[in-house]
């Protein structure tokens, strides 16, 4: 099956995680809500997020998170599935994601019942 994109998805190795790049990725409220949603609902397809944003805007936010190492994406048919790289992040930066999720819980809109399929 042919790839959905012209170029391969870039995922940094855990040993190459850059804390500053990760923190920059997490400063945006939309990206933070994506991370919060993935913590609650791992394996969510891109179509399951923020219906109020255009696909191109969401794509950019997913790319920033992916290239920082916060999420992993893979294609399943015509869907792009997203997972939080919590285990890898916890190995490199213990407790970081838990702390971010705890601190922002009252600032982020909880995941809704968007289509996950």
C-alpha atoms as a PDB file:
ATOM      1  CA  UNK A   1       0.000   0.000   0.000  1.00  0.00           C
ATOM      2  CA  UNK A   2       1.300   3.433  -0.902  1.00  0.00           C
ATOM      3  CA  UNK A   3       2.036   5.965   1.798  1.00  0.00           C
ATOM      4  CA  UNK A   4      -0.449   8.785   2.424  1.00  0.00           C
ATOM      5  CA  UNK A   5       2.317  11.342   2.350  1.00  0.00           C
ATOM      6  CA  UNK A   6       5.099  12.165  -0.067  1.00  0.00           C
ATOM      7  CA  UNK A   7       7.677  12.048   2.715  1.00  0.00           C
ATOM      8  CA  UNK A   8       7.945   9.590   5.609  1.00  0.00           C
ATOM      9  CA  UNK A   9       6.746  10.474   9.081  1.00  0.00           C
ATOM     10  CA  UNK A  10       9.625  11.670  11.282  1.00  0.00           C
ATOM     11  CA  UNK A  11       9.770  10.288  14.826  1.00  0.00           C
ATOM     12  CA  UNK A  12      12.872  11.074  16.886  1.00  0.00           C
ATOM     13  CA  UNK A  13      14.461   8.281  18.892  1.00  0.00           C
ATOM     14  CA  UNK A  14      13.960   8.577  22.651  1.00  0.00           C
ATOM     15  CA  UNK A  15      17.654   9.315  23.234  1.00  0.00           C
ATOM     16  CA  UNK A  16      17.305  12.297  20.862  1.00  0.00           C
ATOM     17  CA  UNK A  17      14.401  13.914  22.720  1.00  0.00           C
ATOM     18  CA  UNK A  18      15.067  17.598  23.338  1.00  0.00           C
ATOM     19  CA  UNK A  19      13.343  18.920  26.469  1.00  0.00           C
ATOM     20  CA  UNK A  20      13.166  22.479  25.110  1.00  0.00           C
ATOM     21  CA  UNK A  21      11.549  21.286  21.852  1.00  0.00           C
ATOM     22  CA  UNK A  22       9.062  19.183  23.820  1.00  0.00           C
ATOM     23  CA  UNK A  23       8.168  22.073  26.119  1.00  0.00           C
ATOM     24  CA  UNK A  24       7.719  24.422  23.138  1.00  0.00           C
ATOM     25  CA  UNK A  25       5.384  21.880  21.536  1.00  0.00           C
ATOM     26  CA  UNK A  26       3.361  21.729  24.748  1.00  0.00           C
ATOM     27  CA  UNK A  27       2.942  25.496  25.144  1.00  0.00           C
ATOM     28  CA  UNK A  28       0.244  25.740  22.483  1.00  0.00           C
ATOM     29  CA  UNK A  29      -3.285  25.208  23.892  1.00  0.00           C
ATOM     30  CA  UNK A  30      -4.434  23.176  20.881  1.00  0.00           C
ATOM     31  CA  UNK A  31      -1.432  20.852  21.060  1.00  0.00           C
ATOM     32  CA  UNK A  32      -1.875  20.563  24.802  1.00  0.00           C
ATOM     33  CA  UNK A  33      -5.508  19.533  24.276  1.00  0.00           C
ATOM     34  CA  UNK A  34      -4.345  16.909  21.733  1.00  0.00           C
ATOM     35  CA  UNK A  35      -1.934  15.461  24.316  1.00  0.00           C
ATOM     36  CA  UNK A  36      -4.622  15.564  27.013  1.00  0.00           C
ATOM     37  CA  UNK A  37      -7.038  13.762  24.678  1.00  0.00           C
ATOM     38  CA  UNK A  38      -4.479  11.096  23.735  1.00  0.00           C
ATOM     39  CA  UNK A  39      -3.709  10.461  27.395  1.00  0.00           C
ATOM     40  CA  UNK A  40      -7.389   9.629  27.901  1.00  0.00           C
ATOM     41  CA  UNK A  41      -8.009   7.933  24.537  1.00  0.00           C
ATOM     42  CA  UNK A  42      -4.849   6.361  23.057  1.00  0.00           C
ATOM     43  CA  UNK A  43      -4.894   5.309  19.423  1.00  0.00           C
ATOM     44  CA  UNK A  44      -7.287   8.018  18.292  1.00  0.00           C
ATOM     45  CA  UNK A  45      -7.419   8.774  14.581  1.00  0.00           C
ATOM     46  CA  UNK A  46      -6.911  12.348  13.414  1.00  0.00           C
ATOM     47  CA  UNK A  47     -10.607  12.575  12.525  1.00  0.00           C
ATOM     48  CA  UNK A  48     -11.459  12.168  16.220  1.00  0.00           C
ATOM     49  CA  UNK A  49     -10.043  15.582  17.159  1.00  0.00           C
ATOM     50  CA  UNK A  50     -11.345  19.149  17.188  1.00  0.00           C
ATOM     51  CA  UNK A  51     -13.976  19.358  14.484  1.00  0.00           C
ATOM     52  CA  UNK A  52     -13.804  23.164  14.793  1.00  0.00           C
ATOM     53  CA  UNK A  53     -10.330  23.248  13.156  1.00  0.00           C
ATOM     54  CA  UNK A  54      -9.454  22.668   9.523  1.00  0.00           C
ATOM     55  CA  UNK A  55      -7.513  19.504   8.662  1.00  0.00           C
ATOM     56  CA  UNK A  56      -4.491  21.561   7.595  1.00  0.00           C
ATOM     57  CA  UNK A  57      -4.328  23.330  10.964  1.00  0.00           C
ATOM     58  CA  UNK A  58      -4.586  20.030  12.832  1.00  0.00           C
ATOM     59  CA  UNK A  59      -1.938  18.483  10.569  1.00  0.00           C
ATOM     60  CA  UNK A  60       0.523  21.196  11.520  1.00  0.00           C
ATOM     61  CA  UNK A  61      -0.127  20.692  15.239  1.00  0.00           C
ATOM     62  CA  UNK A  62       0.282  16.912  14.908  1.00  0.00           C
ATOM     63  CA  UNK A  63       3.556  17.441  13.014  1.00  0.00           C
ATOM     64  CA  UNK A  64       4.985  19.682  15.751  1.00  0.00           C
ATOM     65  CA  UNK A  65       4.086  17.117  18.420  1.00  0.00           C
ATOM     66  CA  UNK A  66       5.424  14.214  16.349  1.00  0.00           C
ATOM     67  CA  UNK A  67       8.719  15.911  15.495  1.00  0.00           C
ATOM     68  CA  UNK A  68       9.230  16.846  19.166  1.00  0.00           C
ATOM     69  CA  UNK A  69       8.710  13.191  20.101  1.00  0.00           C
ATOM     70  CA  UNK A  70       5.512  13.698  22.089  1.00  0.00           C
ATOM     71  CA  UNK A  71       3.305  11.550  19.845  1.00  0.00           C
ATOM     72  CA  UNK A  72       3.739   8.691  17.412  1.00  0.00           C
ATOM     73  CA  UNK A  73       1.656   8.445  14.244  1.00  0.00           C
ATOM     74  CA  UNK A  74       1.097   5.563  11.867  1.00  0.00           C
ATOM     75  CA  UNK A  75      -1.250   4.939   8.990  1.00  0.00           C
ATOM     76  CA  UNK A  76      -3.971   2.300   9.087  1.00  0.00           C
ATOM     77  CA  UNK A  77      -5.715   2.271   5.744  1.00  0.00           C
ATOM     78  CA  UNK A  78      -6.874   5.825   5.102  1.00  0.00           C
ATOM     79  CA  UNK A  79      -6.644   6.845   8.784  1.00  0.00           C
ATOM     80  CA  UNK A  80      -3.684   8.270  10.647  1.00  0.00           C
ATOM     81  CA  UNK A  81      -3.599   6.919  14.193  1.00  0.00           C
ATOM     82  CA  UNK A  82      -2.001   8.874  17.036  1.00  0.00           C
ATOM     83  CA  UNK A  83      -0.531   7.658  20.321  1.00  0.00           C
ATOM     84  CA  UNK A  84       1.159   9.498  23.149  1.00  0.00           C
ATOM     85  CA  UNK A  85       4.786   8.378  23.624  1.00  0.00           C
ATOM     86  CA  UNK A  86       4.345   8.488  27.401  1.00  0.00           C
ATOM     87  CA  UNK A  87       6.446   5.445  28.234  1.00  0.00           C
ATOM     88  CA  UNK A  88       9.394   6.695  26.169  1.00  0.00           C
ATOM     89  CA  UNK A  89       9.026  10.219  27.550  1.00  0.00           C
ATOM     90  CA  UNK A  90       8.869   8.865  31.115  1.00  0.00           C
ATOM     91  CA  UNK A  91      12.092   6.938  30.534  1.00  0.00           C
ATOM     92  CA  UNK A  92      13.915  10.055  29.291  1.00  0.00           C
ATOM     93  CA  UNK A  93      12.153  12.670  31.461  1.00  0.00           C
ATOM     94  CA  UNK A  94      10.499  10.851  34.409  1.00  0.00           C
ATOM     95  CA  UNK A  95       7.133  12.300  35.405  1.00  0.00           C
ATOM     96  CA  UNK A  96       7.125  15.083  32.792  1.00  0.00           C
ATOM     97  CA  UNK A  97       3.901  14.138  31.011  1.00  0.00           C
ATOM     98  CA  UNK A  98       2.098  13.335  34.278  1.00  0.00           C
ATOM     99  CA  UNK A  99       3.088  16.734  35.644  1.00  0.00           C
ATOM    100  CA  UNK A 100       1.985  18.543  32.461  1.00  0.00           C
ATOM    101  CA  UNK A 101      -1.356  16.708  32.423  1.00  0.00           C
ATOM    102  CA  UNK A 102      -1.938  17.389  36.113  1.00  0.00           C
ATOM    103  CA  UNK A 103      -1.044  21.086  35.871  1.00  0.00           C
ATOM    104  CA  UNK A 104      -3.174  21.752  32.796  1.00  0.00           C
ATOM    105  CA  UNK A 105      -6.203  19.630  33.678  1.00  0.00           C
ATOM    106  CA  UNK A 106      -8.335  22.674  34.499  1.00  0.00           C
ATOM    107  CA  UNK A 107      -7.182  24.599  31.391  1.00  0.00           C
ATOM    108  CA  UNK A 108      -7.906  21.968  28.749  1.00  0.00           C
ATOM    109  CA  UNK A 109     -11.276  20.988  27.363  1.00  0.00           C
ATOM    110  CA  UNK A 110     -11.741  17.289  28.131  1.00  0.00           C
ATOM    111  CA  UNK A 111     -12.076  14.921  25.181  1.00  0.00           C
ATOM    112  CA  UNK A 112     -15.568  14.745  23.758  1.00  0.00           C
ATOM    113  CA  UNK A 113     -17.400  11.935  22.057  1.00  0.00           C
ATOM    114  CA  UNK A 114     -15.945  12.626  18.617  1.00  0.00           C
ATOM    115  CA  UNK A 115     -15.784   9.798  16.118  1.00  0.00           C
ATOM    116  CA  UNK A 116     -12.803   7.607  16.992  1.00  0.00           C
ATOM    117  CA  UNK A 117     -13.093   5.208  14.089  1.00  0.00           C
END
